[in-house]
């Protein structure tokens, strides 16, 4: 995952933990609902100002948005790995295999 996708996943997870709808959350941080969707899907990166609004809405520091703990359980992490694995082929698949056997 790239940083936009990781950040988007973190924001989505925090929003869902607080049971905020996307519409309510977008009003809370004064962003267009479509922009919130794009951020959560990793298609757009929020500005520094919007990062502050997002963090404030969750009652956390901006830095905490970048802590990569968006997987709630080992099972979710395994599922994410399997989904990524299904999309690999050729050299990338071989490279992943070599990394995995050396863990």
PDB file of N, CA and C in Angstrom:
ATOM      1  N   UNK A   1       0.838  -1.197   0.000  1.00  0.00           N
ATOM      2  CA  UNK A   1       0.000   0.000   0.000  1.00  0.00           C
ATOM      3  C   UNK A   1       0.875   1.249   0.000  1.00  0.00           C
ATOM      4  N   UNK A   2       0.435   2.257  -0.737  1.00  0.00           N
ATOM      5  CA  UNK A   2       1.177   3.509  -0.698  1.00  0.00           C
ATOM      6  C   UNK A   2       0.645   4.376   0.441  1.00  0.00           C
ATOM      7  N   UNK A   3       1.311   5.487   0.673  1.00  0.00           N
ATOM      8  CA  UNK A   3       0.961   6.321   1.829  1.00  0.00           C
ATOM      9  C   UNK A   3      -0.465   6.863   1.742  1.00  0.00           C
ATOM     10  N   UNK A   4      -0.936   7.198   0.533  1.00  0.00           N
ATOM     11  CA  UNK A   4      -2.312   7.701   0.409  1.00  0.00           C
ATOM     12  C   UNK A   4      -3.317   6.625   0.801  1.00  0.00           C
ATOM     13  N   UNK A   5      -3.076   5.397   0.377  1.00  0.00           N
ATOM     14  CA  UNK A   5      -3.992   4.302   0.713  1.00  0.00           C
ATOM     15  C   UNK A   5      -3.941   3.975   2.208  1.00  0.00           C
ATOM     16  N   UNK A   6      -2.742   3.981   2.789  1.00  0.00           N
ATOM     17  CA  UNK A   6      -2.610   3.718   4.224  1.00  0.00           C
ATOM     18  C   UNK A   6      -3.308   4.797   5.050  1.00  0.00           C
ATOM     19  N   UNK A   7      -3.089   6.054   4.668  1.00  0.00           N
ATOM     20  CA  UNK A   7      -3.739   7.152   5.375  1.00  0.00           C
ATOM     21  C   UNK A   7      -5.251   7.065   5.221  1.00  0.00           C
ATOM     22  N   UNK A   8      -5.705   6.805   4.011  1.00  0.00           N
ATOM     23  CA  UNK A   8      -7.144   6.682   3.768  1.00  0.00           C
ATOM     24  C   UNK A   8      -7.768   5.564   4.586  1.00  0.00           C
ATOM     25  N   UNK A   9      -7.066   4.427   4.660  1.00  0.00           N
ATOM     26  CA  UNK A   9      -7.569   3.293   5.453  1.00  0.00           C
ATOM     27  C   UNK A   9      -7.637   3.661   6.929  1.00  0.00           C
ATOM     28  N   UNK A  10      -6.642   4.397   7.409  1.00  0.00           N
ATOM     29  CA  UNK A  10      -6.620   4.817   8.814  1.00  0.00           C
ATOM     30  C   UNK A  10      -7.794   5.759   9.106  1.00  0.00           C
ATOM     31  N   UNK A  11      -8.016   6.731   8.225  1.00  0.00           N
ATOM     32  CA  UNK A  11      -9.102   7.684   8.425  1.00  0.00           C
ATOM     33  C   UNK A  11     -10.454   6.968   8.391  1.00  0.00           C
ATOM     34  N   UNK A  12     -10.615   6.072   7.450  1.00  0.00           N
ATOM     35  CA  UNK A  12     -11.870   5.315   7.355  1.00  0.00           C
ATOM     36  C   UNK A  12     -12.100   4.482   8.618  1.00  0.00           C
ATOM     37  N   UNK A  13     -11.050   3.824   9.094  1.00  0.00           N
ATOM     38  CA  UNK A  13     -11.158   3.005  10.308  1.00  0.00           C
ATOM     39  C   UNK A  13     -11.545   3.866  11.506  1.00  0.00           C
ATOM     40  N   UNK A  14     -10.896   5.016  11.669  1.00  0.00           N
ATOM     41  CA  UNK A  14     -11.216   5.906  12.790  1.00  0.00           C
ATOM     42  C   UNK A  14     -12.647   6.430  12.685  1.00  0.00           C
ATOM     43  N   UNK A  15     -13.064   6.758  11.462  1.00  0.00           N
ATOM     44  CA  UNK A  15     -14.433   7.254  11.259  1.00  0.00           C
ATOM     45  C   UNK A  15     -15.454   6.187  11.632  1.00  0.00           C
ATOM     46  N   UNK A  16     -15.198   4.957  11.199  1.00  0.00           N
ATOM     47  CA  UNK A  16     -16.124   3.861  11.501  1.00  0.00           C
ATOM     48  C   UNK A  16     -16.134   3.519  12.990  1.00  0.00           C
ATOM     49  N   UNK A  17     -14.981   3.583  13.640  1.00  0.00           N
ATOM     50  CA  UNK A  17     -14.925   3.328  15.085  1.00  0.00           C
ATOM     51  C   UNK A  17     -15.817   4.297  15.843  1.00  0.00           C
ATOM     52  N   UNK A  18     -15.901   5.512  15.344  1.00  0.00           N
ATOM     53  CA  UNK A  18     -16.709   6.538  16.005  1.00  0.00           C
ATOM     54  C   UNK A  18     -18.148   6.563  15.488  1.00  0.00           C
ATOM     55  N   UNK A  19     -18.433   5.653  14.544  1.00  0.00           N
ATOM     56  CA  UNK A  19     -19.770   5.528  13.974  1.00  0.00           C
ATOM     57  C   UNK A  19     -20.227   6.813  13.284  1.00  0.00           C
ATOM     58  N   UNK A  20     -19.267   7.513  12.650  1.00  0.00           N
ATOM     59  CA  UNK A  20     -19.587   8.705  11.859  1.00  0.00           C
ATOM     60  C   UNK A  20     -19.922   8.267  10.440  1.00  0.00           C
ATOM     61  N   UNK A  21     -20.994   8.758   9.892  1.00  0.00           N
ATOM     62  CA  UNK A  21     -21.261   8.538   8.470  1.00  0.00           C
ATOM     63  C   UNK A  21     -20.286   9.419   7.691  1.00  0.00           C
ATOM     64  N   UNK A  22     -20.096   9.100   6.416  1.00  0.00           N
ATOM     65  CA  UNK A  22     -19.218   9.947   5.598  1.00  0.00           C
ATOM     66  C   UNK A  22     -19.787  11.358   5.489  1.00  0.00           C
ATOM     67  N   UNK A  23     -21.104  11.449   5.387  1.00  0.00           N
ATOM     68  CA  UNK A  23     -21.739  12.761   5.281  1.00  0.00           C
ATOM     69  C   UNK A  23     -21.525  13.585   6.545  1.00  0.00           C
ATOM     70  N   UNK A  24     -21.755  12.971   7.722  1.00  0.00           N
ATOM     71  CA  UNK A  24     -21.552  13.681   8.978  1.00  0.00           C
ATOM     72  C   UNK A  24     -20.091  14.096   9.123  1.00  0.00           C
ATOM     73  N   UNK A  25     -19.186  13.163   8.816  1.00  0.00           N
ATOM     74  CA  UNK A  25     -17.759  13.435   8.941  1.00  0.00           C
ATOM     75  C   UNK A  25     -17.332  14.576   8.011  1.00  0.00           C
ATOM     76  N   UNK A  26     -17.843  14.575   6.788  1.00  0.00           N
ATOM     77  CA  UNK A  26     -17.481  15.642   5.843  1.00  0.00           C
ATOM     78  C   UNK A  26     -17.970  17.003   6.341  1.00  0.00           C
ATOM     79  N   UNK A  27     -19.145  17.045   6.964  1.00  0.00           N
ATOM     80  CA  UNK A  27     -19.642  18.290   7.550  1.00  0.00           C
ATOM     81  C   UNK A  27     -18.768  18.718   8.723  1.00  0.00           C
ATOM     82  N   UNK A  28     -18.368  17.742   9.531  1.00  0.00           N
ATOM     83  CA  UNK A  28     -17.550  18.009  10.717  1.00  0.00           C
ATOM     84  C   UNK A  28     -16.210  18.644  10.349  1.00  0.00           C
ATOM     85  N   UNK A  29     -15.630  18.200   9.242  1.00  0.00           N
ATOM     86  CA  UNK A  29     -14.317  18.714   8.846  1.00  0.00           C
ATOM     87  C   UNK A  29     -14.409  19.726   7.705  1.00  0.00           C
ATOM     88  N   UNK A  30     -15.638  20.080   7.325  1.00  0.00           N
ATOM     89  CA  UNK A  30     -15.892  21.094   6.296  1.00  0.00           C
ATOM     90  C   UNK A  30     -15.246  20.731   4.955  1.00  0.00           C
ATOM     91  N   UNK A  31     -15.497  19.489   4.515  1.00  0.00           N
ATOM     92  CA  UNK A  31     -15.031  19.020   3.209  1.00  0.00           C
ATOM     93  C   UNK A  31     -16.213  18.469   2.432  1.00  0.00           C
ATOM     94  N   UNK A  32     -16.106  18.522   1.130  1.00  0.00           N
ATOM     95  CA  UNK A  32     -17.110  17.925   0.262  1.00  0.00           C
ATOM     96  C   UNK A  32     -17.129  16.409   0.507  1.00  0.00           C
ATOM     97  N   UNK A  33     -18.306  15.787   0.630  1.00  0.00           N
ATOM     98  CA  UNK A  33     -18.371  14.333   0.863  1.00  0.00           C
ATOM     99  C   UNK A  33     -17.596  13.531  -0.183  1.00  0.00           C
ATOM    100  N   UNK A  34     -17.601  13.978  -1.429  1.00  0.00           N
ATOM    101  CA  UNK A  34     -16.866  13.266  -2.480  1.00  0.00           C
ATOM    102  C   UNK A  34     -15.362  13.288  -2.197  1.00  0.00           C
ATOM    103  N   UNK A  35     -14.882  14.406  -1.637  1.00  0.00           N
ATOM    104  CA  UNK A  35     -13.461  14.507  -1.293  1.00  0.00           C
ATOM    105  C   UNK A  35     -13.113  13.530  -0.167  1.00  0.00           C
ATOM    106  N   UNK A  36     -14.006  13.373   0.789  1.00  0.00           N
ATOM    107  CA  UNK A  36     -13.782  12.410   1.873  1.00  0.00           C
ATOM    108  C   UNK A  36     -13.676  10.994   1.295  1.00  0.00           C
ATOM    109  N   UNK A  37     -14.559  10.666   0.361  1.00  0.00           N
ATOM    110  CA  UNK A  37     -14.513   9.350  -0.288  1.00  0.00           C
ATOM    111  C   UNK A  37     -13.172   9.160  -0.991  1.00  0.00           C
ATOM    112  N   UNK A  38     -12.722  10.168  -1.712  1.00  0.00           N
ATOM    113  CA  UNK A  38     -11.447  10.075  -2.435  1.00  0.00           C
ATOM    114  C   UNK A  38     -10.272   9.907  -1.470  1.00  0.00           C
ATOM    115  N   UNK A  39     -10.311  10.592  -0.340  1.00  0.00           N
ATOM    116  CA  UNK A  39      -9.243  10.455   0.659  1.00  0.00           C
ATOM    117  C   UNK A  39      -9.263   9.049   1.242  1.00  0.00           C
ATOM    118  N   UNK A  40     -10.438   8.576   1.644  1.00  0.00           N
ATOM    119  CA  UNK A  40     -10.545   7.244   2.250  1.00  0.00           C
ATOM    120  C   UNK A  40     -10.155   6.129   1.274  1.00  0.00           C
ATOM    121  N   UNK A  41     -10.366   6.345  -0.019  1.00  0.00           N
ATOM    122  CA  UNK A  41     -10.007   5.342  -1.025  1.00  0.00           C
ATOM    123  C   UNK A  41      -8.557   5.462  -1.477  1.00  0.00           C
ATOM    124  N   UNK A  42      -7.831   6.413  -0.916  1.00  0.00           N
ATOM    125  CA  UNK A  42      -6.428   6.584  -1.277  1.00  0.00           C
ATOM    126  C   UNK A  42      -6.220   7.220  -2.629  1.00  0.00           C
ATOM    127  N   UNK A  43      -7.222   7.914  -3.143  1.00  0.00           N
ATOM    128  CA  UNK A  43      -7.141   8.572  -4.450  1.00  0.00           C
ATOM    129  C   UNK A  43      -6.682  10.017  -4.327  1.00  0.00           C
ATOM    130  N   UNK A  44      -6.741  10.566  -3.114  1.00  0.00           N
ATOM    131  CA  UNK A  44      -6.408  11.964  -2.889  1.00  0.00           C
ATOM    132  C   UNK A  44      -5.724  12.081  -1.534  1.00  0.00           C
ATOM    133  N   UNK A  45      -4.823  13.044  -1.421  1.00  0.00           N
ATOM    134  CA  UNK A  45      -4.126  13.275  -0.155  1.00  0.00           C
ATOM    135  C   UNK A  45      -4.603  14.601   0.409  1.00  0.00           C
ATOM    136  N   UNK A  46      -5.026  14.619   1.673  1.00  0.00           N
ATOM    137  CA  UNK A  46      -5.526  15.873   2.245  1.00  0.00           C
ATOM    138  C   UNK A  46      -4.409  16.901   2.419  1.00  0.00           C
ATOM    139  N   UNK A  47      -4.779  18.171   2.342  1.00  0.00           N
ATOM    140  CA  UNK A  47      -3.823  19.249   2.605  1.00  0.00           C
ATOM    141  C   UNK A  47      -3.445  19.229   4.078  1.00  0.00           C
ATOM    142  N   UNK A  48      -2.393  19.962   4.426  1.00  0.00           N
ATOM    143  CA  UNK A  48      -1.969  20.054   5.827  1.00  0.00           C
ATOM    144  C   UNK A  48      -3.111  20.605   6.687  1.00  0.00           C
ATOM    145  N   UNK A  49      -3.813  21.603   6.164  1.00  0.00           N
ATOM    146  CA  UNK A  49      -4.948  22.183   6.888  1.00  0.00           C
ATOM    147  C   UNK A  49      -6.040  21.136   7.125  1.00  0.00           C
ATOM    148  N   UNK A  50      -6.333  20.350   6.103  1.00  0.00           N
ATOM    149  CA  UNK A  50      -7.362  19.319   6.253  1.00  0.00           C
ATOM    150  C   UNK A  50      -6.911  18.174   7.151  1.00  0.00           C
ATOM    151  N   UNK A  51      -5.617  17.864   7.147  1.00  0.00           N
ATOM    152  CA  UNK A  51      -5.104  16.856   8.084  1.00  0.00           C
ATOM    153  C   UNK A  51      -5.363  17.302   9.520  1.00  0.00           C
ATOM    154  N   UNK A  52      -5.156  18.590   9.780  1.00  0.00           N
ATOM    155  CA  UNK A  52      -5.423  19.124  11.123  1.00  0.00           C
ATOM    156  C   UNK A  52      -6.901  19.023  11.476  1.00  0.00           C
ATOM    157  N   UNK A  53      -7.779  19.340  10.529  1.00  0.00           N
ATOM    158  CA  UNK A  53      -9.221  19.236  10.766  1.00  0.00           C
ATOM    159  C   UNK A  53      -9.625  17.785  11.044  1.00  0.00           C
ATOM    160  N   UNK A  54      -9.060  16.864  10.276  1.00  0.00           N
ATOM    161  CA  UNK A  54      -9.371  15.443  10.447  1.00  0.00           C
ATOM    162  C   UNK A  54      -8.913  14.964  11.824  1.00  0.00           C
ATOM    163  N   UNK A  55      -7.683  15.294  12.174  1.00  0.00           N
ATOM    164  CA  UNK A  55      -7.152  14.882  13.478  1.00  0.00           C
ATOM    165  C   UNK A  55      -7.983  15.482  14.612  1.00  0.00           C
ATOM    166  N   UNK A  56      -8.334  16.756  14.489  1.00  0.00           N
ATOM    167  CA  UNK A  56      -9.157  17.413  15.514  1.00  0.00           C
ATOM    168  C   UNK A  56     -10.512  16.719  15.661  1.00  0.00           C
ATOM    169  N   UNK A  57     -11.103  16.327  14.532  1.00  0.00           N
ATOM    170  CA  UNK A  57     -12.410  15.659  14.569  1.00  0.00           C
ATOM    171  C   UNK A  57     -12.338  14.336  15.329  1.00  0.00           C
ATOM    172  N   UNK A  58     -11.177  13.684  15.279  1.00  0.00           N
ATOM    173  CA  UNK A  58     -10.999  12.415  15.991  1.00  0.00           C
ATOM    174  C   UNK A  58     -10.408  12.602  17.383  1.00  0.00           C
ATOM    175  N   UNK A  59     -10.017  13.835  17.710  1.00  0.00           N
ATOM    176  CA  UNK A  59      -9.427  14.103  19.025  1.00  0.00           C
ATOM    177  C   UNK A  59      -8.025  13.506  19.161  1.00  0.00           C
ATOM    178  N   UNK A  60      -7.271  13.495  18.062  1.00  0.00           N
ATOM    179  CA  UNK A  60      -5.916  12.942  18.074  1.00  0.00           C
ATOM    180  C   UNK A  60      -4.950  13.942  17.451  1.00  0.00           C
ATOM    181  N   UNK A  61      -3.653  13.652  17.544  1.00  0.00           N
ATOM    182  CA  UNK A  61      -2.628  14.468  16.901  1.00  0.00           C
ATOM    183  C   UNK A  61      -2.492  14.030  15.442  1.00  0.00           C
ATOM    184  N   UNK A  62      -2.076  14.950  14.584  1.00  0.00           N
ATOM    185  CA  UNK A  62      -1.908  14.637  13.162  1.00  0.00           C
ATOM    186  C   UNK A  62      -0.986  13.434  12.986  1.00  0.00           C
ATOM    187  N   UNK A  63       0.087  13.350  13.781  1.00  0.00           N
ATOM    188  CA  UNK A  63       1.041  12.251  13.664  1.00  0.00           C
ATOM    189  C   UNK A  63       0.372  10.888  13.818  1.00  0.00           C
ATOM    190  N   UNK A  64      -0.659  10.827  14.640  1.00  0.00           N
ATOM    191  CA  UNK A  64      -1.343   9.558  14.898  1.00  0.00           C
ATOM    192  C   UNK A  64      -2.077   9.036  13.665  1.00  0.00           C
ATOM    193  N   UNK A  65      -2.371   9.921  12.727  1.00  0.00           N
ATOM    194  CA  UNK A  65      -3.009   9.480  11.483  1.00  0.00           C
ATOM    195  C   UNK A  65      -2.062   8.620  10.646  1.00  0.00           C
ATOM    196  N   UNK A  66      -0.768   8.750  10.915  1.00  0.00           N
ATOM    197  CA  UNK A  66       0.223   8.032  10.122  1.00  0.00           C
ATOM    198  C   UNK A  66       0.763   6.790  10.821  1.00  0.00           C
ATOM    199  N   UNK A  67       0.208   6.445  11.963  1.00  0.00           N
ATOM    200  CA  UNK A  67       0.579   5.195  12.622  1.00  0.00           C
ATOM    201  C   UNK A  67      -0.170   4.082  11.914  1.00  0.00           C
ATOM    202  N   UNK A  68       0.577   3.163  11.356  1.00  0.00           N
ATOM    203  CA  UNK A  68      -0.005   2.117  10.513  1.00  0.00           C
ATOM    204  C   UNK A  68      -0.517   0.951  11.351  1.00  0.00           C
ATOM    205  N   UNK A  69      -1.679   1.139  11.923  1.00  0.00           N
ATOM    206  CA  UNK A  69      -2.306   0.064  12.698  1.00  0.00           C
ATOM    207  C   UNK A  69      -3.750  -0.121  12.246  1.00  0.00           C
ATOM    208  N   UNK A  70      -3.965   0.025  10.945  1.00  0.00           N
ATOM    209  CA  UNK A  70      -5.334   0.004  10.424  1.00  0.00           C
ATOM    210  C   UNK A  70      -5.929  -1.398  10.378  1.00  0.00           C
ATOM    211  N   UNK A  71      -5.151  -2.423  10.693  1.00  0.00           N
ATOM    212  CA  UNK A  71      -5.691  -3.775  10.726  1.00  0.00           C
ATOM    213  C   UNK A  71      -6.099  -4.097  12.158  1.00  0.00           C
ATOM    214  N   UNK A  72      -7.359  -4.356  12.364  1.00  0.00           N
ATOM    215  CA  UNK A  72      -7.886  -4.585  13.710  1.00  0.00           C
ATOM    216  C   UNK A  72      -7.465  -5.938  14.270  1.00  0.00           C
ATOM    217  N   UNK A  73      -7.148  -6.883  13.410  1.00  0.00           N
ATOM    218  CA  UNK A  73      -6.810  -8.216  13.916  1.00  0.00           C
ATOM    219  C   UNK A  73      -5.837  -8.915  12.977  1.00  0.00           C
ATOM    220  N   UNK A  74      -5.250 -10.000  13.465  1.00  0.00           N
ATOM    221  CA  UNK A  74      -4.371 -10.818  12.627  1.00  0.00           C
ATOM    222  C   UNK A  74      -5.137 -11.363  11.428  1.00  0.00           C
ATOM    223  N   UNK A  75      -6.402 -11.705  11.637  1.00  0.00           N
ATOM    224  CA  UNK A  75      -7.207 -12.262  10.543  1.00  0.00           C
ATOM    225  C   UNK A  75      -7.391 -11.250   9.421  1.00  0.00           C
ATOM    226  N   UNK A  76      -7.627  -9.981   9.783  1.00  0.00           N
ATOM    227  CA  UNK A  76      -7.761  -8.934   8.764  1.00  0.00           C
ATOM    228  C   UNK A  76      -6.455  -8.754   8.000  1.00  0.00           C
ATOM    229  N   UNK A  77      -5.355  -8.804   8.725  1.00  0.00           N
ATOM    230  CA  UNK A  77      -4.048  -8.666   8.088  1.00  0.00           C
ATOM    231  C   UNK A  77      -3.784  -9.836   7.140  1.00  0.00           C
ATOM    232  N   UNK A  78      -4.099 -11.054   7.564  1.00  0.00           N
ATOM    233  CA  UNK A  78      -3.921 -12.231   6.710  1.00  0.00           C
ATOM    234  C   UNK A  78      -4.774 -12.118   5.450  1.00  0.00           C
ATOM    235  N   UNK A  79      -6.006 -11.649   5.601  1.00  0.00           N
ATOM    236  CA  UNK A  79      -6.894 -11.481   4.457  1.00  0.00           C
ATOM    237  C   UNK A  79      -6.331 -10.449   3.482  1.00  0.00           C
ATOM    238  N   UNK A  80      -5.810  -9.344   4.015  1.00  0.00           N
ATOM    239  CA  UNK A  80      -5.222  -8.314   3.159  1.00  0.00           C
ATOM    240  C   UNK A  80      -4.010  -8.868   2.408  1.00  0.00           C
ATOM    241  N   UNK A  81      -3.210  -9.677   3.086  1.00  0.00           N
ATOM    242  CA  UNK A  81      -2.042 -10.290   2.439  1.00  0.00           C
ATOM    243  C   UNK A  81      -2.486 -11.244   1.346  1.00  0.00           C
ATOM    244  N   UNK A  82      -3.484 -12.063   1.639  1.00  0.00           N
ATOM    245  CA  UNK A  82      -3.979 -13.007   0.630  1.00  0.00           C
ATOM    246  C   UNK A  82      -4.565 -12.293  -0.586  1.00  0.00           C
ATOM    247  N   UNK A  83      -5.274 -11.193  -0.351  1.00  0.00           N
ATOM    248  CA  UNK A  83      -5.826 -10.415  -1.465  1.00  0.00           C
ATOM    249  C   UNK A  83      -4.720  -9.840  -2.334  1.00  0.00           C
ATOM    250  N   UNK A  84      -3.676  -9.328  -1.697  1.00  0.00           N
ATOM    251  CA  UNK A  84      -2.548  -8.793  -2.457  1.00  0.00           C
ATOM    252  C   UNK A  84      -1.831  -9.914  -3.192  1.00  0.00           C
ATOM    253  N   UNK A  85      -1.655 -11.037  -2.531  1.00  0.00           N
ATOM    254  CA  UNK A  85      -0.986 -12.192  -3.122  1.00  0.00           C
ATOM    255  C   UNK A  85      -1.699 -12.646  -4.401  1.00  0.00           C
ATOM    256  N   UNK A  86      -3.010 -12.614  -4.377  1.00  0.00           N
ATOM    257  CA  UNK A  86      -3.797 -13.050  -5.539  1.00  0.00           C
ATOM    258  C   UNK A  86      -3.542 -12.180  -6.764  1.00  0.00           C
ATOM    259  N   UNK A  87      -3.101 -10.955  -6.559  1.00  0.00           N
ATOM    260  CA  UNK A  87      -2.873 -10.048  -7.689  1.00  0.00           C
ATOM    261  C   UNK A  87      -1.436 -10.108  -8.223  1.00  0.00           C
ATOM    262  N   UNK A  88      -0.565 -10.855  -7.554  1.00  0.00           N
ATOM    263  CA  UNK A  88       0.841 -10.921  -7.967  1.00  0.00           C
ATOM    264  C   UNK A  88       1.089 -12.040  -8.963  1.00  0.00           C
ATOM    265  N   UNK A  89       2.127 -11.843  -9.769  1.00  0.00           N
ATOM    266  CA  UNK A  89       2.574 -12.902 -10.664  1.00  0.00           C
ATOM    267  C   UNK A  89       4.042 -12.668 -11.013  1.00  0.00           C
ATOM    268  N   UNK A  90       4.631 -13.621 -11.674  1.00  0.00           N
ATOM    269  CA  UNK A  90       5.991 -13.485 -12.180  1.00  0.00           C
ATOM    270  C   UNK A  90       7.031 -13.167 -11.121  1.00  0.00           C
ATOM    271  N   UNK A  91       7.850 -12.185 -11.421  1.00  0.00           N
ATOM    272  CA  UNK A  91       8.985 -11.835 -10.566  1.00  0.00           C
ATOM    273  C   UNK A  91       8.552 -11.340  -9.184  1.00  0.00           C
ATOM    274  N   UNK A  92       7.456 -10.596  -9.127  1.00  0.00           N
ATOM    275  CA  UNK A  92       6.986 -10.105  -7.828  1.00  0.00           C
ATOM    276  C   UNK A  92       6.556 -11.264  -6.934  1.00  0.00           C
ATOM    277  N   UNK A  93       5.916 -12.256  -7.504  1.00  0.00           N
ATOM    278  CA  UNK A  93       5.494 -13.427  -6.740  1.00  0.00           C
ATOM    279  C   UNK A  93       6.718 -14.201  -6.232  1.00  0.00           C
ATOM    280  N   UNK A  94       7.704 -14.362  -7.083  1.00  0.00           N
ATOM    281  CA  UNK A  94       8.939 -15.052  -6.686  1.00  0.00           C
ATOM    282  C   UNK A  94       9.659 -14.286  -5.583  1.00  0.00           C
ATOM    283  N   UNK A  95       9.724 -12.960  -5.719  1.00  0.00           N
ATOM    284  CA  UNK A  95      10.387 -12.136  -4.708  1.00  0.00           C
ATOM    285  C   UNK A  95       9.679 -12.244  -3.363  1.00  0.00           C
ATOM    286  N   UNK A  96       8.368 -12.224  -3.373  1.00  0.00           N
ATOM    287  CA  UNK A  96       7.607 -12.357  -2.133  1.00  0.00           C
ATOM    288  C   UNK A  96       7.841 -13.718  -1.493  1.00  0.00           C
ATOM    289  N   UNK A  97       7.879 -14.746  -2.307  1.00  0.00           N
ATOM    290  CA  UNK A  97       8.147 -16.108  -1.799  1.00  0.00           C
ATOM    291  C   UNK A  97       9.515 -16.148  -1.123  1.00  0.00           C
ATOM    292  N   UNK A  98      10.525 -15.572  -1.746  1.00  0.00           N
ATOM    293  CA  UNK A  98      11.863 -15.580  -1.169  1.00  0.00           C
ATOM    294  C   UNK A  98      11.917 -14.804   0.154  1.00  0.00           C
ATOM    295  N   UNK A  99      11.193 -13.705   0.218  1.00  0.00           N
ATOM    296  CA  UNK A  99      11.136 -12.955   1.479  1.00  0.00           C
ATOM    297  C   UNK A  99      10.428 -13.767   2.546  1.00  0.00           C
ATOM    298  N   UNK A 100       9.326 -14.400   2.191  1.00  0.00           N
ATOM    299  CA  UNK A 100       8.519 -15.145   3.164  1.00  0.00           C
ATOM    300  C   UNK A 100       9.288 -16.330   3.746  1.00  0.00           C
ATOM    301  N   UNK A 101      10.026 -17.050   2.925  1.00  0.00           N
ATOM    302  CA  UNK A 101      10.727 -18.231   3.458  1.00  0.00           C
ATOM    303  C   UNK A 101      11.908 -17.841   4.339  1.00  0.00           C
ATOM    304  N   UNK A 102      12.316 -16.576   4.275  1.00  0.00           N
ATOM    305  CA  UNK A 102      13.419 -16.119   5.102  1.00  0.00           C
ATOM    306  C   UNK A 102      12.981 -15.370   6.356  1.00  0.00           C
ATOM    307  N   UNK A 103      11.709 -15.388   6.645  1.00  0.00           N
ATOM    308  CA  UNK A 103      11.203 -14.715   7.868  1.00  0.00           C
ATOM    309  C   UNK A 103      11.503 -15.552   9.089  1.00  0.00           C
TER     310      UNK A 103
END
